[in-house]
Amino acid sequence: MDAYPKIIAGLWQRIAELEKTIADLQEQLEQERRTNARQAAPFRRPENNKVPNDQKKRPGRKPGHEGTHRPVPEHKEILGDDYQGVLVSDCLSTYDPPDCRKHKCIAHHLRAIAEAKKLPEHAESPYLQQWTLLFKVVIVFHRLAVEGSMDASTLSERRDHVERWIDRLLGESLERVGEVRIRNRLLRQREHLLGCLYDLSAEPTNNRAERSLRPAVIARKLSCGNKTDRGRLTWQVLASLAATCGQRGNDLIDYLTNHIPTALSKLMESVALSFSVSGLFFAVSPLPPERHLILFPT
């Protein structure tokens, strides 16, 4: 039995070597495919090489980010098919598809209103000031309800008043471009403007969530991002576990030390690890639980 840890260590080393060999072969095949495609492509005159307007890069976008920013399918993968919570987000259109309760971040609304006030003849706009006052009132109502200073019946009554206030503002006839822009923005998200008053567990803004994400975002930018999907997924899982442990007051290292060996033990007790690569076949029988801990020393 003492030989099992050495066998497993050698097996993982061999797996890593084979993975690298496969990756090198895939890269070589891809380069050959591109070379063949360029050789087979018909000659084009320079004037035909212009990029259509609808395919030009958007200003300010970094190379490699076109069309890959916040893909919609990830929402379903993360939230699942029957998410029971409230999705608090900004007004980016990619957050619209998930079929769940939503609330749009009030901080982002106030920021958009502040930008509209910078336009000529908009600084003293009564319409924009009304929206600013409305959203600040929503934040106060939510805080009072969470603290217990406002009972459920009072909250319901004042929430109905705010709903009528919103309908009146959205129904006004406007001409100034900044006011129209804000009205259209809020009209598209009408159903999700007061989600925090219908479910007090939803915060009025997503500021706390964005602050918790900031360290991961900074680390990603300093490291120039992940080079593979596998690395991206690994970083995503570890960063999420670290943030969750921090919010719950748990130590991340203790959490991983306690859970990873248990998960691996259950996996190896249920099935034998086997794979076939380049004509070679390996099989490892399940080990006793105490032998698994050597893979994850504390």
C-alpha atoms as a PDB file:
ATOM      1  CA  MET A   1       0.000   0.000   0.000  1.00  0.00           C
ATOM      2  CA  ASP A   2       2.918   2.360   0.607  1.00  0.00           C
ATOM      3  CA  ALA A   3       3.685   2.341  -3.107  1.00  0.00           C
ATOM      4  CA  TYR A   4       0.306   3.808  -4.066  1.00  0.00           C
ATOM      5  CA  PRO A   5       1.196   7.489  -3.420  1.00  0.00           C
ATOM      6  CA  LYS A   6       4.288   7.190  -5.626  1.00  0.00           C
ATOM      7  CA  ILE A   7       2.236   5.489  -8.346  1.00  0.00           C
ATOM      8  CA  ILE A   8      -0.354   8.282  -8.272  1.00  0.00           C
ATOM      9  CA  ALA A   9       2.295  11.015  -8.264  1.00  0.00           C
ATOM     10  CA  GLY A  10       3.973   9.453 -11.287  1.00  0.00           C
ATOM     11  CA  LEU A  11       0.601   9.052 -12.988  1.00  0.00           C
ATOM     12  CA  TRP A  12      -0.284  12.741 -12.578  1.00  0.00           C
ATOM     13  CA  GLN A  13       3.138  13.711 -13.924  1.00  0.00           C
ATOM     14  CA  ARG A  14       2.565  11.518 -16.962  1.00  0.00           C
ATOM     15  CA  ILE A  15      -0.890  13.035 -17.467  1.00  0.00           C
ATOM     16  CA  ALA A  16       0.605  16.541 -17.401  1.00  0.00           C
ATOM     17  CA  GLU A  17       3.233  15.547 -19.976  1.00  0.00           C
ATOM     18  CA  LEU A  18       0.607  14.024 -22.267  1.00  0.00           C
ATOM     19  CA  GLU A  19      -1.632  17.091 -21.946  1.00  0.00           C
ATOM     20  CA  LYS A  20       1.281  19.326 -22.970  1.00  0.00           C
ATOM     21  CA  THR A  21       2.056  17.062 -25.940  1.00  0.00           C
ATOM     22  CA  ILE A  22      -1.569  17.142 -27.080  1.00  0.00           C
ATOM     23  CA  ALA A  23      -1.704  20.932 -26.718  1.00  0.00           C
ATOM     24  CA  ASP A  24       1.467  21.295 -28.822  1.00  0.00           C
ATOM     25  CA  LEU A  25       0.012  19.041 -31.512  1.00  0.00           C
ATOM     26  CA  GLN A  26      -3.238  21.002 -31.559  1.00  0.00           C
ATOM     27  CA  GLU A  27      -1.332  24.261 -31.933  1.00  0.00           C
ATOM     28  CA  GLN A  28       0.734  22.807 -34.768  1.00  0.00           C
ATOM     29  CA  LEU A  29      -2.390  21.570 -36.565  1.00  0.00           C
ATOM     30  CA  GLU A  30      -4.043  24.960 -36.143  1.00  0.00           C
ATOM     31  CA  GLN A  31      -1.032  26.737 -37.646  1.00  0.00           C
ATOM     32  CA  GLU A  32      -1.039  24.337 -40.597  1.00  0.00           C
ATOM     33  CA  ARG A  33      -4.753  24.918 -41.102  1.00  0.00           C
ATOM     34  CA  ARG A  34      -4.273  28.691 -41.149  1.00  0.00           C
ATOM     35  CA  THR A  35      -1.374  28.394 -43.567  1.00  0.00           C
ATOM     36  CA  ASN A  36      -3.399  26.219 -45.927  1.00  0.00           C
ATOM     37  CA  ALA A  37      -6.364  28.600 -45.686  1.00  0.00           C
ATOM     38  CA  ARG A  38      -4.201  31.600 -46.602  1.00  0.00           C
ATOM     39  CA  GLN A  39      -2.696  29.732 -49.568  1.00  0.00           C
ATOM     40  CA  ALA A  40      -6.113  28.652 -50.812  1.00  0.00           C
ATOM     41  CA  ALA A  41      -7.691  32.108 -50.419  1.00  0.00           C
ATOM     42  CA  PRO A  42      -8.295  33.984 -53.712  1.00  0.00           C
ATOM     43  CA  PHE A  43      -6.312  37.122 -54.458  1.00  0.00           C
ATOM     44  CA  ARG A  44      -8.133  40.289 -53.433  1.00  0.00           C
ATOM     45  CA  ARG A  45      -7.459  43.789 -54.613  1.00  0.00           C
ATOM     46  CA  PRO A  46      -6.484  46.249 -51.863  1.00  0.00           C
ATOM     47  CA  GLU A  47      -9.674  48.274 -52.284  1.00  0.00           C
ATOM     48  CA  ASN A  48     -11.697  45.154 -51.460  1.00  0.00           C
ATOM     49  CA  ASN A  49      -9.953  44.683 -48.128  1.00  0.00           C
ATOM     50  CA  LYS A  50     -11.863  47.452 -46.356  1.00  0.00           C
ATOM     51  CA  VAL A  51     -13.613  46.426 -43.150  1.00  0.00           C
ATOM     52  CA  PRO A  52     -17.409  46.924 -43.278  1.00  0.00           C
ATOM     53  CA  ASN A  53     -18.745  49.495 -40.829  1.00  0.00           C
ATOM     54  CA  ASP A  54     -20.711  46.897 -38.899  1.00  0.00           C
ATOM     55  CA  GLN A  55     -17.527  44.856 -38.328  1.00  0.00           C
ATOM     56  CA  LYS A  56     -15.241  47.644 -37.147  1.00  0.00           C
ATOM     57  CA  LYS A  57     -13.935  47.478 -33.583  1.00  0.00           C
ATOM     58  CA  ARG A  58     -15.695  49.624 -31.051  1.00  0.00           C
ATOM     59  CA  PRO A  59     -13.561  52.514 -29.709  1.00  0.00           C
ATOM     60  CA  GLY A  60     -11.865  51.752 -26.435  1.00  0.00           C
ATOM     61  CA  ARG A  61     -12.099  47.991 -26.761  1.00  0.00           C
ATOM     62  CA  LYS A  62      -8.892  46.048 -26.154  1.00  0.00           C
ATOM     63  CA  PRO A  63      -7.787  43.467 -28.723  1.00  0.00           C
ATOM     64  CA  GLY A  64      -9.212  40.044 -28.011  1.00  0.00           C
ATOM     65  CA  HIS A  65     -12.321  41.332 -26.210  1.00  0.00           C
ATOM     66  CA  GLU A  66     -14.589  41.760 -29.231  1.00  0.00           C
ATOM     67  CA  GLY A  67     -17.728  39.698 -28.872  1.00  0.00           C
ATOM     68  CA  THR A  68     -16.536  37.855 -25.754  1.00  0.00           C
ATOM     69  CA  HIS A  69     -17.596  40.286 -23.011  1.00  0.00           C
ATOM     70  CA  ARG A  70     -20.056  38.760 -20.516  1.00  0.00           C
ATOM     71  CA  PRO A  71     -21.504  36.013 -22.745  1.00  0.00           C
ATOM     72  CA  VAL A  72     -25.196  35.334 -22.176  1.00  0.00           C
ATOM     73  CA  PRO A  73     -24.974  31.507 -21.812  1.00  0.00           C
ATOM     74  CA  GLU A  74     -22.876  31.915 -18.634  1.00  0.00           C
ATOM     75  CA  HIS A  75     -25.907  33.335 -16.837  1.00  0.00           C
ATOM     76  CA  LYS A  76     -27.767  30.062 -17.202  1.00  0.00           C
ATOM     77  CA  GLU A  77     -24.683  28.093 -16.202  1.00  0.00           C
ATOM     78  CA  ILE A  78     -24.192  30.127 -13.016  1.00  0.00           C
ATOM     79  CA  LEU A  79     -27.802  30.800 -11.983  1.00  0.00           C
ATOM     80  CA  GLY A  80     -29.345  27.534 -13.191  1.00  0.00           C
ATOM     81  CA  ASP A  81     -32.811  27.012 -14.652  1.00  0.00           C
ATOM     82  CA  ASP A  82     -34.787  27.814 -11.506  1.00  0.00           C
ATOM     83  CA  TYR A  83     -33.011  30.643  -9.699  1.00  0.00           C
ATOM     84  CA  GLN A  84     -35.171  31.742  -6.754  1.00  0.00           C
ATOM     85  CA  GLY A  85     -33.212  34.847  -5.758  1.00  0.00           C
ATOM     86  CA  VAL A  86     -33.152  38.384  -7.132  1.00  0.00           C
ATOM     87  CA  LEU A  87     -30.585  39.322  -9.771  1.00  0.00           C
ATOM     88  CA  VAL A  88     -29.257  42.815  -8.950  1.00  0.00           C
ATOM     89  CA  SER A  89     -27.329  44.282 -11.885  1.00  0.00           C
ATOM     90  CA  ASP A  90     -26.813  47.343 -14.049  1.00  0.00           C
ATOM     91  CA  CYS A  91     -28.824  47.936 -17.226  1.00  0.00           C
ATOM     92  CA  LEU A  92     -26.485  46.089 -19.590  1.00  0.00           C
ATOM     93  CA  SER A  93     -28.663  44.212 -22.087  1.00  0.00           C
ATOM     94  CA  THR A  94     -26.842  40.909 -21.512  1.00  0.00           C
ATOM     95  CA  TYR A  95     -28.486  40.726 -18.063  1.00  0.00           C
ATOM     96  CA  ASP A  96     -31.992  40.775 -19.573  1.00  0.00           C
ATOM     97  CA  PRO A  97     -32.350  37.130 -20.777  1.00  0.00           C
ATOM     98  CA  PRO A  98     -32.319  35.325 -17.383  1.00  0.00           C
ATOM     99  CA  ASP A  99     -35.916  34.487 -16.437  1.00  0.00           C
ATOM    100  CA  CYS A 100     -35.898  35.429 -12.773  1.00  0.00           C
ATOM    101  CA  ARG A 101     -36.746  38.319 -10.496  1.00  0.00           C
ATOM    102  CA  LYS A 102     -34.523  41.328 -11.133  1.00  0.00           C
ATOM    103  CA  HIS A 103     -33.648  44.683  -9.638  1.00  0.00           C
ATOM    104  CA  LYS A 104     -31.623  47.313 -11.444  1.00  0.00           C
ATOM    105  CA  CYS A 105     -28.876  49.017  -9.459  1.00  0.00           C
ATOM    106  CA  ILE A 106     -29.944  52.476  -8.308  1.00  0.00           C
ATOM    107  CA  ALA A 107     -26.331  53.689  -8.164  1.00  0.00           C
ATOM    108  CA  HIS A 108     -26.040  53.118 -11.914  1.00  0.00           C
ATOM    109  CA  HIS A 109     -29.297  55.039 -12.489  1.00  0.00           C
ATOM    110  CA  LEU A 110     -28.028  57.987 -10.441  1.00  0.00           C
ATOM    111  CA  ARG A 111     -24.726  57.903 -12.325  1.00  0.00           C
ATOM    112  CA  ALA A 112     -26.543  58.024 -15.672  1.00  0.00           C
ATOM    113  CA  ILE A 113     -28.674  60.938 -14.452  1.00  0.00           C
ATOM    114  CA  ALA A 114     -25.562  62.796 -13.295  1.00  0.00           C
ATOM    115  CA  GLU A 115     -24.032  62.338 -16.765  1.00  0.00           C
ATOM    116  CA  ALA A 116     -27.219  63.674 -18.378  1.00  0.00           C
ATOM    117  CA  LYS A 117     -27.059  66.776 -16.169  1.00  0.00           C
ATOM    118  CA  LYS A 118     -23.663  67.625 -17.706  1.00  0.00           C
ATOM    119  CA  LEU A 119     -25.316  68.262 -21.066  1.00  0.00           C
ATOM    120  CA  PRO A 120     -26.084  71.866 -22.042  1.00  0.00           C
ATOM    121  CA  GLU A 121     -29.291  73.205 -20.440  1.00  0.00           C
ATOM    122  CA  HIS A 122     -29.693  70.059 -18.315  1.00  0.00           C
ATOM    123  CA  ALA A 123     -27.955  71.060 -15.069  1.00  0.00           C
ATOM    124  CA  GLU A 124     -31.157  72.419 -13.484  1.00  0.00           C
ATOM    125  CA  SER A 125     -33.592  70.074 -15.221  1.00  0.00           C
ATOM    126  CA  PRO A 126     -36.613  69.549 -12.924  1.00  0.00           C
ATOM    127  CA  TYR A 127     -37.287  66.213 -14.635  1.00  0.00           C
ATOM    128  CA  LEU A 128     -33.848  64.805 -13.837  1.00  0.00           C
ATOM    129  CA  GLN A 129     -34.014  66.217 -10.309  1.00  0.00           C
ATOM    130  CA  GLN A 130     -37.305  64.365  -9.794  1.00  0.00           C
ATOM    131  CA  TRP A 131     -35.693  61.059 -10.755  1.00  0.00           C
ATOM    132  CA  THR A 132     -32.743  61.725  -8.435  1.00  0.00           C
ATOM    133  CA  LEU A 133     -35.106  62.449  -5.541  1.00  0.00           C
ATOM    134  CA  LEU A 134     -37.211  59.359  -6.324  1.00  0.00           C
ATOM    135  CA  PHE A 135     -34.287  56.946  -6.235  1.00  0.00           C
ATOM    136  CA  LYS A 136     -32.917  58.445  -3.026  1.00  0.00           C
ATOM    137  CA  VAL A 137     -36.356  57.994  -1.458  1.00  0.00           C
ATOM    138  CA  VAL A 138     -36.328  54.327  -2.526  1.00  0.00           C
ATOM    139  CA  ILE A 139     -32.977  53.827  -0.788  1.00  0.00           C
ATOM    140  CA  VAL A 140     -34.303  55.429   2.417  1.00  0.00           C
ATOM    141  CA  PHE A 141     -37.487  53.305   2.370  1.00  0.00           C
ATOM    142  CA  HIS A 142     -35.452  50.127   1.941  1.00  0.00           C
ATOM    143  CA  ARG A 143     -33.124  51.007   4.813  1.00  0.00           C
ATOM    144  CA  LEU A 144     -36.029  51.834   7.153  1.00  0.00           C
ATOM    145  CA  ALA A 145     -37.810  48.586   6.259  1.00  0.00           C
ATOM    146  CA  VAL A 146     -34.675  46.491   6.826  1.00  0.00           C
ATOM    147  CA  GLU A 147     -34.012  48.193  10.178  1.00  0.00           C
ATOM    148  CA  GLY A 148     -37.608  47.525  11.251  1.00  0.00           C
ATOM    149  CA  SER A 149     -38.509  51.215  11.504  1.00  0.00           C
ATOM    150  CA  MET A 150     -41.171  50.782   8.791  1.00  0.00           C
ATOM    151  CA  ASP A 151     -43.758  48.005   9.044  1.00  0.00           C
ATOM    152  CA  ALA A 152     -44.960  45.956   6.071  1.00  0.00           C
ATOM    153  CA  SER A 153     -48.258  47.818   5.581  1.00  0.00           C
ATOM    154  CA  THR A 154     -46.557  51.228   5.592  1.00  0.00           C
ATOM    155  CA  LEU A 155     -43.932  49.967   3.168  1.00  0.00           C
ATOM    156  CA  SER A 156     -46.623  48.649   0.816  1.00  0.00           C
ATOM    157  CA  GLU A 157     -48.476  51.964   0.904  1.00  0.00           C
ATOM    158  CA  ARG A 158     -45.382  54.051   0.212  1.00  0.00           C
ATOM    159  CA  ARG A 159     -44.194  51.618  -2.464  1.00  0.00           C
ATOM    160  CA  ASP A 160     -47.502  52.076  -4.304  1.00  0.00           C
ATOM    161  CA  HIS A 161     -46.996  55.832  -4.097  1.00  0.00           C
ATOM    162  CA  VAL A 162     -43.534  55.491  -5.665  1.00  0.00           C
ATOM    163  CA  GLU A 163     -44.980  53.274  -8.415  1.00  0.00           C
ATOM    164  CA  ARG A 164     -47.464  56.016  -9.341  1.00  0.00           C
ATOM    165  CA  TRP A 165     -44.665  58.575  -9.173  1.00  0.00           C
ATOM    166  CA  ILE A 166     -42.640  56.521 -11.670  1.00  0.00           C
ATOM    167  CA  ASP A 167     -45.586  56.133 -14.056  1.00  0.00           C
ATOM    168  CA  ARG A 168     -46.156  59.886 -14.008  1.00  0.00           C
ATOM    169  CA  LEU A 169     -42.514  60.657 -14.815  1.00  0.00           C
ATOM    170  CA  LEU A 170     -42.385  58.077 -17.600  1.00  0.00           C
ATOM    171  CA  GLY A 171     -45.539  59.522 -19.141  1.00  0.00           C
ATOM    172  CA  GLU A 172     -44.274  63.105 -19.404  1.00  0.00           C
ATOM    173  CA  SER A 173     -43.727  64.703 -22.817  1.00  0.00           C
ATOM    174  CA  LEU A 174     -40.049  65.585 -23.210  1.00  0.00           C
ATOM    175  CA  GLU A 175     -37.863  67.321 -25.802  1.00  0.00           C
ATOM    176  CA  ARG A 176     -34.384  67.614 -24.279  1.00  0.00           C
ATOM    177  CA  VAL A 177     -32.118  64.824 -25.434  1.00  0.00           C
ATOM    178  CA  GLY A 178     -30.741  64.033 -21.981  1.00  0.00           C
ATOM    179  CA  GLU A 179     -34.195  63.775 -20.419  1.00  0.00           C
ATOM    180  CA  VAL A 180     -35.437  61.552 -23.254  1.00  0.00           C
ATOM    181  CA  ARG A 181     -32.377  59.344 -22.862  1.00  0.00           C
ATOM    182  CA  ILE A 182     -33.029  58.827 -19.133  1.00  0.00           C
ATOM    183  CA  ARG A 183     -36.737  58.191 -19.683  1.00  0.00           C
ATOM    184  CA  ASN A 184     -36.040  55.571 -22.353  1.00  0.00           C
ATOM    185  CA  ARG A 185     -33.437  53.890 -20.148  1.00  0.00           C
ATOM    186  CA  LEU A 186     -35.840  53.598 -17.209  1.00  0.00           C
ATOM    187  CA  LEU A 187     -38.820  52.718 -19.406  1.00  0.00           C
ATOM    188  CA  ARG A 188     -36.967  49.648 -20.706  1.00  0.00           C
ATOM    189  CA  GLN A 189     -36.373  48.522 -17.115  1.00  0.00           C
ATOM    190  CA  ARG A 190     -39.736  49.644 -15.708  1.00  0.00           C
ATOM    191  CA  GLU A 191     -40.556  46.229 -14.247  1.00  0.00           C
ATOM    192  CA  HIS A 192     -37.269  46.051 -12.330  1.00  0.00           C
ATOM    193  CA  LEU A 193     -36.944  49.555 -10.876  1.00  0.00           C
ATOM    194  CA  LEU A 194     -38.334  48.751  -7.408  1.00  0.00           C
ATOM    195  CA  GLY A 195     -37.281  45.142  -6.950  1.00  0.00           C
ATOM    196  CA  CYS A 196     -35.545  45.996  -3.662  1.00  0.00           C
ATOM    197  CA  LEU A 197     -38.842  47.185  -2.142  1.00  0.00           C
ATOM    198  CA  TYR A 198     -40.650  43.963  -3.048  1.00  0.00           C
ATOM    199  CA  ASP A 199     -37.876  41.719  -1.715  1.00  0.00           C
ATOM    200  CA  LEU A 200     -35.886  43.371   1.067  1.00  0.00           C
ATOM    201  CA  SER A 201     -33.095  40.798   0.719  1.00  0.00           C
ATOM    202  CA  ALA A 202     -32.165  42.560  -2.547  1.00  0.00           C
ATOM    203  CA  GLU A 203     -30.025  45.626  -1.863  1.00  0.00           C
ATOM    204  CA  PRO A 204     -30.852  48.884  -3.714  1.00  0.00           C
ATOM    205  CA  THR A 205     -27.412  48.899  -5.352  1.00  0.00           C
ATOM    206  CA  ASN A 206     -24.864  46.282  -6.357  1.00  0.00           C
ATOM    207  CA  ASN A 207     -22.021  48.337  -4.859  1.00  0.00           C
ATOM    208  CA  ARG A 208     -21.141  45.689  -2.271  1.00  0.00           C
ATOM    209  CA  ALA A 209     -20.947  42.991  -4.943  1.00  0.00           C
ATOM    210  CA  GLU A 210     -18.742  45.139  -7.169  1.00  0.00           C
ATOM    211  CA  ARG A 211     -16.425  45.965  -4.266  1.00  0.00           C
ATOM    212  CA  SER A 212     -16.016  42.258  -3.521  1.00  0.00           C
ATOM    213  CA  LEU A 213     -15.147  41.640  -7.182  1.00  0.00           C
ATOM    214  CA  ARG A 214     -12.591  44.443  -7.391  1.00  0.00           C
ATOM    215  CA  PRO A 215      -9.580  42.448  -6.054  1.00  0.00           C
ATOM    216  CA  ALA A 216     -10.207  39.675  -8.613  1.00  0.00           C
ATOM    217  CA  VAL A 217     -10.581  42.205 -11.427  1.00  0.00           C
ATOM    218  CA  ILE A 218      -7.359  43.988 -10.449  1.00  0.00           C
ATOM    219  CA  ALA A 219      -5.491  40.672 -10.286  1.00  0.00           C
ATOM    220  CA  ARG A 220      -6.815  39.724 -13.728  1.00  0.00           C
ATOM    221  CA  LYS A 221      -5.664  43.002 -15.259  1.00  0.00           C
ATOM    222  CA  LEU A 222      -2.221  42.897 -13.643  1.00  0.00           C
ATOM    223  CA  SER A 223      -1.670  39.328 -14.844  1.00  0.00           C
ATOM    224  CA  CYS A 224      -3.018  40.103 -18.361  1.00  0.00           C
ATOM    225  CA  GLY A 225      -5.812  37.566 -17.846  1.00  0.00           C
ATOM    226  CA  ASN A 226      -5.960  33.809 -18.229  1.00  0.00           C
ATOM    227  CA  LYS A 227      -4.502  32.151 -21.300  1.00  0.00           C
ATOM    228  CA  THR A 228      -6.877  29.166 -21.413  1.00  0.00           C
ATOM    229  CA  ASP A 229     -10.512  28.411 -20.619  1.00  0.00           C
ATOM    230  CA  ARG A 230      -9.340  25.918 -18.016  1.00  0.00           C
ATOM    231  CA  GLY A 231      -7.312  28.605 -16.262  1.00  0.00           C
ATOM    232  CA  ARG A 232     -10.221  31.044 -16.465  1.00  0.00           C
ATOM    233  CA  LEU A 233     -12.598  28.542 -14.868  1.00  0.00           C
ATOM    234  CA  THR A 234     -10.069  27.659 -12.142  1.00  0.00           C
ATOM    235  CA  TRP A 235      -9.517  31.323 -11.269  1.00  0.00           C
ATOM    236  CA  GLN A 236     -13.275  31.951 -11.318  1.00  0.00           C
ATOM    237  CA  VAL A 237     -13.976  29.113  -8.866  1.00  0.00           C
ATOM    238  CA  LEU A 238     -11.115  29.952  -6.500  1.00  0.00           C
ATOM    239  CA  ALA A 239     -11.946  33.681  -6.464  1.00  0.00           C
ATOM    240  CA  SER A 240     -15.612  32.890  -5.745  1.00  0.00           C
ATOM    241  CA  LEU A 241     -14.682  30.518  -2.916  1.00  0.00           C
ATOM    242  CA  ALA A 242     -12.291  33.107  -1.441  1.00  0.00           C
ATOM    243  CA  ALA A 243     -14.959  35.842  -1.513  1.00  0.00           C
ATOM    244  CA  THR A 244     -17.588  33.545   0.002  1.00  0.00           C
ATOM    245  CA  CYS A 245     -15.263  32.401   2.778  1.00  0.00           C
ATOM    246  CA  GLY A 246     -14.376  36.017   3.513  1.00  0.00           C
ATOM    247  CA  GLN A 247     -18.039  37.024   3.801  1.00  0.00           C
ATOM    248  CA  ARG A 248     -18.784  34.062   6.079  1.00  0.00           C
ATOM    249  CA  GLY A 249     -15.716  34.601   8.243  1.00  0.00           C
ATOM    250  CA  ASN A 250     -14.124  31.283   7.222  1.00  0.00           C
ATOM    251  CA  ASP A 251     -10.500  30.641   6.361  1.00  0.00           C
ATOM    252  CA  LEU A 252     -10.046  29.683   2.710  1.00  0.00           C
ATOM    253  CA  ILE A 253      -7.087  27.335   3.329  1.00  0.00           C
ATOM    254  CA  ASP A 254      -8.978  25.491   6.070  1.00  0.00           C
ATOM    255  CA  TYR A 255     -12.009  25.194   3.791  1.00  0.00           C
ATOM    256  CA  LEU A 256      -9.997  23.711   0.918  1.00  0.00           C
ATOM    257  CA  THR A 257      -8.065  21.414   3.251  1.00  0.00           C
ATOM    258  CA  ASN A 258     -11.298  20.009   4.676  1.00  0.00           C
ATOM    259  CA  HIS A 259     -13.305  19.689   1.457  1.00  0.00           C
ATOM    260  CA  ILE A 260     -10.939  18.764  -1.377  1.00  0.00           C
ATOM    261  CA  PRO A 261      -9.686  15.467   0.127  1.00  0.00           C
ATOM    262  CA  THR A 262     -13.267  14.489   0.973  1.00  0.00           C
ATOM    263  CA  ALA A 263     -14.463  15.180  -2.565  1.00  0.00           C
ATOM    264  CA  LEU A 264     -11.556  13.255  -4.083  1.00  0.00           C
ATOM    265  CA  SER A 265     -12.087  10.373  -1.666  1.00  0.00           C
ATOM    266  CA  LYS A 266     -15.730  10.041  -2.701  1.00  0.00           C
ATOM    267  CA  LEU A 267     -14.785  10.187  -6.364  1.00  0.00           C
ATOM    268  CA  MET A 268     -12.084   7.526  -6.120  1.00  0.00           C
ATOM    269  CA  GLU A 269     -14.224   5.262  -3.938  1.00  0.00           C
ATOM    270  CA  SER A 270     -16.985   5.227  -6.550  1.00  0.00           C
ATOM    271  CA  VAL A 271     -15.008   4.716  -9.753  1.00  0.00           C
ATOM    272  CA  ALA A 272     -11.574   3.600 -10.893  1.00  0.00           C
ATOM    273  CA  LEU A 273      -9.508   6.245 -12.637  1.00  0.00           C
ATOM    274  CA  SER A 274      -8.712   5.116 -16.156  1.00  0.00           C
ATOM    275  CA  PHE A 275      -7.752   6.714 -19.403  1.00  0.00           C
ATOM    276  CA  SER A 276      -6.189   5.789 -22.714  1.00  0.00           C
ATOM    277  CA  VAL A 277      -3.798   8.183 -24.473  1.00  0.00           C
ATOM    278  CA  SER A 278      -1.503   7.421 -27.399  1.00  0.00           C
ATOM    279  CA  GLY A 279      -2.159   3.689 -27.131  1.00  0.00           C
ATOM    280  CA  LEU A 280      -1.274   3.530 -23.405  1.00  0.00           C
ATOM    281  CA  PHE A 281      -3.803   2.437 -20.781  1.00  0.00           C
ATOM    282  CA  PHE A 282      -3.630   3.144 -17.078  1.00  0.00           C
ATOM    283  CA  ALA A 283      -5.970   2.091 -14.273  1.00  0.00           C
ATOM    284  CA  VAL A 284      -5.802   3.033 -10.594  1.00  0.00           C
ATOM    285  CA  SER A 285      -7.956   1.273  -8.019  1.00  0.00           C
ATOM    286  CA  PRO A 286      -9.596   3.302  -5.203  1.00  0.00           C
ATOM    287  CA  LEU A 287      -7.337   3.990  -2.226  1.00  0.00           C
ATOM    288  CA  PRO A 288      -8.233   4.029   1.459  1.00  0.00           C
ATOM    289  CA  PRO A 289      -9.316   7.535   2.598  1.00  0.00           C
ATOM    290  CA  GLU A 290      -6.208   8.047   4.731  1.00  0.00           C
ATOM    291  CA  ARG A 291      -4.009   7.638   1.632  1.00  0.00           C
ATOM    292  CA  HIS A 292      -5.746  10.489  -0.182  1.00  0.00           C
ATOM    293  CA  LEU A 293      -4.526  13.118   2.267  1.00  0.00           C
ATOM    294  CA  ILE A 294      -0.971  12.833   0.984  1.00  0.00           C
ATOM    295  CA  LEU A 295      -2.077  14.598  -2.222  1.00  0.00           C
ATOM    296  CA  PHE A 296      -3.222  17.647  -0.239  1.00  0.00           C
ATOM    297  CA  PRO A 297      -0.762  18.225   2.633  1.00  0.00           C
ATOM    298  CA  THR A 298      -1.808  20.848   5.176  1.00  0.00           C
END
